[in-house]
């Protein structure tokens, strides 16, 4: 079940493109490693960002074909 406190943040992060999402995830991970438990729910945030990161990475390699009428 999704945590209602994390939904607005993950909704915002879902709109980010791959490089920006990767930078946000990496910065939060480094902050979490250097300072133990810097934010409440940081583990859940990292799991959510990691899931979004992997989903965007998978979609990044897909090529979307244009419909036949647009190719003319």
PDB file of N, CA and C in Angstrom:
ATOM      1  N   UNK A   1       0.846  -1.183   0.000  1.00  0.00           N
ATOM      2  CA  UNK A   1       0.000   0.000   0.000  1.00  0.00           C
ATOM      3  C   UNK A   1       0.887   1.240   0.000  1.00  0.00           C
ATOM      4  N   UNK A   2       0.555   2.186  -0.822  1.00  0.00           N
ATOM      5  CA  UNK A   2       1.341   3.410  -0.933  1.00  0.00           C
ATOM      6  C   UNK A   2       1.146   4.287   0.297  1.00  0.00           C
ATOM      7  N   UNK A   3       2.211   4.890   0.710  1.00  0.00           N
ATOM      8  CA  UNK A   3       2.172   5.786   1.854  1.00  0.00           C
ATOM      9  C   UNK A   3       1.625   7.139   1.401  1.00  0.00           C
ATOM     10  N   UNK A   4       0.576   7.660   2.031  1.00  0.00           N
ATOM     11  CA  UNK A   4      -0.011   8.931   1.584  1.00  0.00           C
ATOM     12  C   UNK A   4       0.932  10.125   1.729  1.00  0.00           C
ATOM     13  N   UNK A   5       1.952  10.004   2.566  1.00  0.00           N
ATOM     14  CA  UNK A   5       2.914  11.091   2.699  1.00  0.00           C
ATOM     15  C   UNK A   5       3.884  11.137   1.519  1.00  0.00           C
ATOM     16  N   UNK A   6       4.097  10.013   0.866  1.00  0.00           N
ATOM     17  CA  UNK A   6       5.048   9.948  -0.235  1.00  0.00           C
ATOM     18  C   UNK A   6       4.416  10.174  -1.605  1.00  0.00           C
ATOM     19  N   UNK A   7       3.111  10.043  -1.711  1.00  0.00           N
ATOM     20  CA  UNK A   7       2.448  10.150  -3.011  1.00  0.00           C
ATOM     21  C   UNK A   7       2.693  11.487  -3.722  1.00  0.00           C
ATOM     22  N   UNK A   8       2.610  12.642  -3.054  1.00  0.00           N
ATOM     23  CA  UNK A   8       2.885  13.894  -3.773  1.00  0.00           C
ATOM     24  C   UNK A   8       4.325  13.968  -4.298  1.00  0.00           C
ATOM     25  N   UNK A   9       5.279  13.504  -3.499  1.00  0.00           N
ATOM     26  CA  UNK A   9       6.675  13.542  -3.928  1.00  0.00           C
ATOM     27  C   UNK A   9       6.915  12.607  -5.110  1.00  0.00           C
ATOM     28  N   UNK A  10       6.389  11.399  -5.037  1.00  0.00           N
ATOM     29  CA  UNK A  10       6.576  10.457  -6.139  1.00  0.00           C
ATOM     30  C   UNK A  10       5.800  10.883  -7.384  1.00  0.00           C
ATOM     31  N   UNK A  11       4.681  11.563  -7.201  1.00  0.00           N
ATOM     32  CA  UNK A  11       3.958  12.117  -8.349  1.00  0.00           C
ATOM     33  C   UNK A  11       4.772  13.180  -9.061  1.00  0.00           C
ATOM     34  N   UNK A  12       5.466  13.996  -8.288  1.00  0.00           N
ATOM     35  CA  UNK A  12       6.352  15.011  -8.869  1.00  0.00           C
ATOM     36  C   UNK A  12       7.534  14.332  -9.565  1.00  0.00           C
ATOM     37  N   UNK A  13       8.112  13.326  -8.924  1.00  0.00           N
ATOM     38  CA  UNK A  13       9.279  12.646  -9.484  1.00  0.00           C
ATOM     39  C   UNK A  13       8.928  11.870 -10.741  1.00  0.00           C
ATOM     40  N   UNK A  14       7.690  11.409 -10.864  1.00  0.00           N
ATOM     41  CA  UNK A  14       7.262  10.659 -12.047  1.00  0.00           C
ATOM     42  C   UNK A  14       7.335  11.522 -13.302  1.00  0.00           C
ATOM     43  N   UNK A  15       7.233  12.830 -13.162  1.00  0.00           N
ATOM     44  CA  UNK A  15       7.254  13.733 -14.309  1.00  0.00           C
ATOM     45  C   UNK A  15       8.667  14.072 -14.773  1.00  0.00           C
ATOM     46  N   UNK A  16       9.678  13.709 -13.976  1.00  0.00           N
ATOM     47  CA  UNK A  16      11.055  14.028 -14.333  1.00  0.00           C
ATOM     48  C   UNK A  16      11.557  13.107 -15.433  1.00  0.00           C
ATOM     49  N   UNK A  17      12.487  13.617 -16.232  1.00  0.00           N
ATOM     50  CA  UNK A  17      13.103  12.792 -17.263  1.00  0.00           C
ATOM     51  C   UNK A  17      14.238  11.995 -16.643  1.00  0.00           C
ATOM     52  N   UNK A  18      14.770  11.035 -17.402  1.00  0.00           N
ATOM     53  CA  UNK A  18      15.749  10.081 -16.884  1.00  0.00           C
ATOM     54  C   UNK A  18      16.979  10.742 -16.242  1.00  0.00           C
ATOM     55  N   UNK A  19      17.685  11.667 -16.901  1.00  0.00           N
ATOM     56  CA  UNK A  19      18.913  12.189 -16.267  1.00  0.00           C
ATOM     57  C   UNK A  19      18.640  12.920 -14.951  1.00  0.00           C
ATOM     58  N   UNK A  20      17.576  13.688 -14.910  1.00  0.00           N
ATOM     59  CA  UNK A  20      17.246  14.432 -13.695  1.00  0.00           C
ATOM     60  C   UNK A  20      16.813  13.489 -12.584  1.00  0.00           C
ATOM     61  N   UNK A  21      16.011  12.506 -12.923  1.00  0.00           N
ATOM     62  CA  UNK A  21      15.568  11.526 -11.934  1.00  0.00           C
ATOM     63  C   UNK A  21      16.760  10.744 -11.374  1.00  0.00           C
ATOM     64  N   UNK A  22      17.722  10.415 -12.223  1.00  0.00           N
ATOM     65  CA  UNK A  22      18.917   9.715 -11.774  1.00  0.00           C
ATOM     66  C   UNK A  22      19.721  10.589 -10.810  1.00  0.00           C
ATOM     67  N   UNK A  23      19.859  11.861 -11.125  1.00  0.00           N
ATOM     68  CA  UNK A  23      20.618  12.778 -10.258  1.00  0.00           C
ATOM     69  C   UNK A  23      19.951  12.944  -8.897  1.00  0.00           C
ATOM     70  N   UNK A  24      18.635  13.066  -8.874  1.00  0.00           N
ATOM     71  CA  UNK A  24      17.910  13.203  -7.607  1.00  0.00           C
ATOM     72  C   UNK A  24      18.065  11.940  -6.768  1.00  0.00           C
ATOM     73  N   UNK A  25      17.928  10.778  -7.409  1.00  0.00           N
ATOM     74  CA  UNK A  25      18.066   9.507  -6.698  1.00  0.00           C
ATOM     75  C   UNK A  25      19.481   9.329  -6.165  1.00  0.00           C
ATOM     76  N   UNK A  26      20.484   9.636  -6.983  1.00  0.00           N
ATOM     77  CA  UNK A  26      21.875   9.489  -6.562  1.00  0.00           C
ATOM     78  C   UNK A  26      22.210  10.444  -5.409  1.00  0.00           C
ATOM     79  N   UNK A  27      21.742  11.679  -5.490  1.00  0.00           N
ATOM     80  CA  UNK A  27      22.016  12.645  -4.420  1.00  0.00           C
ATOM     81  C   UNK A  27      21.369  12.211  -3.108  1.00  0.00           C
ATOM     82  N   UNK A  28      20.157  11.728  -3.173  1.00  0.00           N
ATOM     83  CA  UNK A  28      19.477  11.267  -1.962  1.00  0.00           C
ATOM     84  C   UNK A  28      20.165  10.035  -1.378  1.00  0.00           C
ATOM     85  N   UNK A  29      20.651   9.149  -2.252  1.00  0.00           N
ATOM     86  CA  UNK A  29      21.360   7.958  -1.786  1.00  0.00           C
ATOM     87  C   UNK A  29      22.675   8.345  -1.109  1.00  0.00           C
ATOM     88  N   UNK A  30      23.437   9.246  -1.701  1.00  0.00           N
ATOM     89  CA  UNK A  30      24.704   9.687  -1.101  1.00  0.00           C
ATOM     90  C   UNK A  30      24.445  10.382   0.225  1.00  0.00           C
ATOM     91  N   UNK A  31      23.418  11.204   0.291  1.00  0.00           N
ATOM     92  CA  UNK A  31      23.062  11.871   1.541  1.00  0.00           C
ATOM     93  C   UNK A  31      22.698  10.852   2.611  1.00  0.00           C
ATOM     94  N   UNK A  32      21.977   9.818   2.207  1.00  0.00           N
ATOM     95  CA  UNK A  32      21.577   8.782   3.153  1.00  0.00           C
ATOM     96  C   UNK A  32      22.772   7.964   3.647  1.00  0.00           C
ATOM     97  N   UNK A  33      23.769   7.761   2.784  1.00  0.00           N
ATOM     98  CA  UNK A  33      24.960   7.014   3.176  1.00  0.00           C
ATOM     99  C   UNK A  33      25.838   7.842   4.114  1.00  0.00           C
ATOM    100  N   UNK A  34      25.984   9.123   3.809  1.00  0.00           N
ATOM    101  CA  UNK A  34      26.863   9.980   4.620  1.00  0.00           C
ATOM    102  C   UNK A  34      26.252  10.342   5.968  1.00  0.00           C
ATOM    103  N   UNK A  35      24.960  10.603   5.982  1.00  0.00           N
ATOM    104  CA  UNK A  35      24.263  10.990   7.214  1.00  0.00           C
ATOM    105  C   UNK A  35      23.182   9.944   7.466  1.00  0.00           C
ATOM    106  N   UNK A  36      23.367   9.092   8.457  1.00  0.00           N
ATOM    107  CA  UNK A  36      22.362   8.050   8.701  1.00  0.00           C
ATOM    108  C   UNK A  36      20.981   8.631   9.020  1.00  0.00           C
ATOM    109  N   UNK A  37      20.001   8.208   8.268  1.00  0.00           N
ATOM    110  CA  UNK A  37      18.606   8.618   8.429  1.00  0.00           C
ATOM    111  C   UNK A  37      18.433  10.135   8.491  1.00  0.00           C
ATOM    112  N   UNK A  38      18.832  10.852   7.404  1.00  0.00           N
ATOM    113  CA  UNK A  38      18.737  12.316   7.420  1.00  0.00           C
ATOM    114  C   UNK A  38      17.294  12.827   7.354  1.00  0.00           C
ATOM    115  N   UNK A  39      16.445  12.087   6.695  1.00  0.00           N
ATOM    116  CA  UNK A  39      15.042  12.478   6.554  1.00  0.00           C
ATOM    117  C   UNK A  39      14.166  11.322   6.999  1.00  0.00           C
ATOM    118  N   UNK A  40      13.012  11.618   7.560  1.00  0.00           N
ATOM    119  CA  UNK A  40      12.094  10.512   7.839  1.00  0.00           C
ATOM    120  C   UNK A  40      11.618   9.909   6.515  1.00  0.00           C
ATOM    121  N   UNK A  41      11.440   8.631   6.488  1.00  0.00           N
ATOM    122  CA  UNK A  41      10.951   7.889   5.326  1.00  0.00           C
ATOM    123  C   UNK A  41      11.922   7.909   4.144  1.00  0.00           C
ATOM    124  N   UNK A  42      13.213   8.159   4.377  1.00  0.00           N
ATOM    125  CA  UNK A  42      14.174   8.243   3.274  1.00  0.00           C
ATOM    126  C   UNK A  42      14.308   6.902   2.552  1.00  0.00           C
ATOM    127  N   UNK A  43      14.179   5.794   3.268  1.00  0.00           N
ATOM    128  CA  UNK A  43      14.273   4.489   2.621  1.00  0.00           C
ATOM    129  C   UNK A  43      13.119   4.269   1.654  1.00  0.00           C
ATOM    130  N   UNK A  44      11.925   4.651   2.050  1.00  0.00           N
ATOM    131  CA  UNK A  44      10.767   4.495   1.185  1.00  0.00           C
ATOM    132  C   UNK A  44      10.871   5.416  -0.034  1.00  0.00           C
ATOM    133  N   UNK A  45      11.395   6.614   0.176  1.00  0.00           N
ATOM    134  CA  UNK A  45      11.578   7.541  -0.939  1.00  0.00           C
ATOM    135  C   UNK A  45      12.573   6.962  -1.934  1.00  0.00           C
ATOM    136  N   UNK A  46      13.682   6.413  -1.432  1.00  0.00           N
ATOM    137  CA  UNK A  46      14.683   5.819  -2.317  1.00  0.00           C
ATOM    138  C   UNK A  46      14.124   4.622  -3.088  1.00  0.00           C
ATOM    139  N   UNK A  47      13.326   3.795  -2.439  1.00  0.00           N
ATOM    140  CA  UNK A  47      12.720   2.659  -3.140  1.00  0.00           C
ATOM    141  C   UNK A  47      11.767   3.136  -4.240  1.00  0.00           C
ATOM    142  N   UNK A  48      10.977   4.152  -3.942  1.00  0.00           N
ATOM    143  CA  UNK A  48      10.063   4.693  -4.946  1.00  0.00           C
ATOM    144  C   UNK A  48      10.809   5.321  -6.111  1.00  0.00           C
ATOM    145  N   UNK A  49      11.867   6.090  -5.821  1.00  0.00           N
ATOM    146  CA  UNK A  49      12.659   6.699  -6.886  1.00  0.00           C
ATOM    147  C   UNK A  49      13.392   5.651  -7.705  1.00  0.00           C
ATOM    148  N   UNK A  50      13.878   4.613  -7.047  1.00  0.00           N
ATOM    149  CA  UNK A  50      14.537   3.533  -7.779  1.00  0.00           C
ATOM    150  C   UNK A  50      13.579   2.823  -8.720  1.00  0.00           C
ATOM    151  N   UNK A  51      12.358   2.625  -8.283  1.00  0.00           N
ATOM    152  CA  UNK A  51      11.347   2.006  -9.137  1.00  0.00           C
ATOM    153  C   UNK A  51      11.044   2.888 -10.343  1.00  0.00           C
ATOM    154  N   UNK A  52      10.874   4.182 -10.108  1.00  0.00           N
ATOM    155  CA  UNK A  52      10.630   5.102 -11.221  1.00  0.00           C
ATOM    156  C   UNK A  52      11.823   5.160 -12.169  1.00  0.00           C
ATOM    157  N   UNK A  53      13.031   5.116 -11.600  1.00  0.00           N
ATOM    158  CA  UNK A  53      14.243   5.163 -12.411  1.00  0.00           C
ATOM    159  C   UNK A  53      14.332   3.950 -13.335  1.00  0.00           C
ATOM    160  N   UNK A  54      14.069   2.771 -12.797  1.00  0.00           N
ATOM    161  CA  UNK A  54      14.107   1.567 -13.621  1.00  0.00           C
ATOM    162  C   UNK A  54      12.997   1.569 -14.667  1.00  0.00           C
ATOM    163  N   UNK A  55      11.829   2.081 -14.324  1.00  0.00           N
ATOM    164  CA  UNK A  55      10.729   2.151 -15.292  1.00  0.00           C
ATOM    165  C   UNK A  55      11.070   3.109 -16.433  1.00  0.00           C
ATOM    166  N   UNK A  56      11.677   4.238 -16.118  1.00  0.00           N
ATOM    167  CA  UNK A  56      12.049   5.192 -17.160  1.00  0.00           C
ATOM    168  C   UNK A  56      13.189   4.657 -18.012  1.00  0.00           C
ATOM    169  N   UNK A  57      14.096   3.918 -17.404  1.00  0.00           N
ATOM    170  CA  UNK A  57      15.215   3.355 -18.139  1.00  0.00           C
ATOM    171  C   UNK A  57      14.710   2.337 -19.162  1.00  0.00           C
ATOM    172  N   UNK A  58      13.717   1.540 -18.775  1.00  0.00           N
ATOM    173  CA  UNK A  58      13.150   0.552 -19.678  1.00  0.00           C
ATOM    174  C   UNK A  58      12.444   1.234 -20.846  1.00  0.00           C
ATOM    175  N   UNK A  59      11.709   2.301 -20.579  1.00  0.00           N
ATOM    176  CA  UNK A  59      10.978   3.011 -21.622  1.00  0.00           C
ATOM    177  C   UNK A  59      11.910   3.807 -22.524  1.00  0.00           C
ATOM    178  N   UNK A  60      13.082   4.161 -22.050  1.00  0.00           N
ATOM    179  CA  UNK A  60      14.011   5.003 -22.793  1.00  0.00           C
ATOM    180  C   UNK A  60      14.489   4.329 -24.074  1.00  0.00           C
ATOM    181  N   UNK A  61      14.664   3.010 -24.064  1.00  0.00           N
ATOM    182  CA  UNK A  61      15.163   2.295 -25.226  1.00  0.00           C
ATOM    183  C   UNK A  61      14.113   1.951 -26.260  1.00  0.00           C
ATOM    184  N   UNK A  62      12.845   2.143 -25.942  1.00  0.00           N
ATOM    185  CA  UNK A  62      11.779   1.788 -26.870  1.00  0.00           C
ATOM    186  C   UNK A  62      11.612   2.872 -27.927  1.00  0.00           C
ATOM    187  N   UNK A  63      11.420   2.430 -29.160  1.00  0.00           N
ATOM    188  CA  UNK A  63      11.184   3.358 -30.258  1.00  0.00           C
ATOM    189  C   UNK A  63       9.697   3.337 -30.570  1.00  0.00           C
ATOM    190  N   UNK A  64       9.098   4.496 -30.601  1.00  0.00           N
ATOM    191  CA  UNK A  64       7.672   4.603 -30.876  1.00  0.00           C
ATOM    192  C   UNK A  64       7.507   4.961 -32.345  1.00  0.00           C
ATOM    193  N   UNK A  65       6.841   4.078 -33.098  1.00  0.00           N
ATOM    194  CA  UNK A  65       6.602   4.329 -34.516  1.00  0.00           C
ATOM    195  C   UNK A  65       5.456   5.313 -34.680  1.00  0.00           C
ATOM    196  N   UNK A  66       5.575   6.123 -35.715  1.00  0.00           N
ATOM    197  CA  UNK A  66       4.508   7.052 -36.038  1.00  0.00           C
ATOM    198  C   UNK A  66       3.397   6.274 -36.746  1.00  0.00           C
ATOM    199  N   UNK A  67       2.147   6.727 -36.615  1.00  0.00           N
ATOM    200  CA  UNK A  67       1.055   6.062 -37.311  1.00  0.00           C
ATOM    201  C   UNK A  67       1.268   6.176 -38.831  1.00  0.00           C
ATOM    202  N   UNK A  68       0.728   5.224 -39.609  1.00  0.00           N
ATOM    203  CA  UNK A  68       0.958   5.220 -41.070  1.00  0.00           C
ATOM    204  C   UNK A  68       0.561   6.515 -41.755  1.00  0.00           C
ATOM    205  N   UNK A  69      -0.528   7.160 -41.316  1.00  0.00           N
ATOM    206  CA  UNK A  69      -0.939   8.392 -41.987  1.00  0.00           C
ATOM    207  C   UNK A  69       0.028   9.545 -41.714  1.00  0.00           C
ATOM    208  N   UNK A  70       0.823   9.483 -40.665  1.00  0.00           N
ATOM    209  CA  UNK A  70       1.779  10.547 -40.352  1.00  0.00           C
ATOM    210  C   UNK A  70       3.097  10.355 -41.107  1.00  0.00           C
ATOM    211  N   UNK A  71       3.303   9.190 -41.725  1.00  0.00           N
ATOM    212  CA  UNK A  71       4.565   8.924 -42.424  1.00  0.00           C
ATOM    213  C   UNK A  71       4.599   9.501 -43.826  1.00  0.00           C
ATOM    214  N   UNK A  72       3.469   9.917 -44.346  1.00  0.00           N
ATOM    215  CA  UNK A  72       3.424  10.415 -45.729  1.00  0.00           C
ATOM    216  C   UNK A  72       4.061  11.753 -45.873  1.00  0.00           C
TER     217      UNK A  72
END
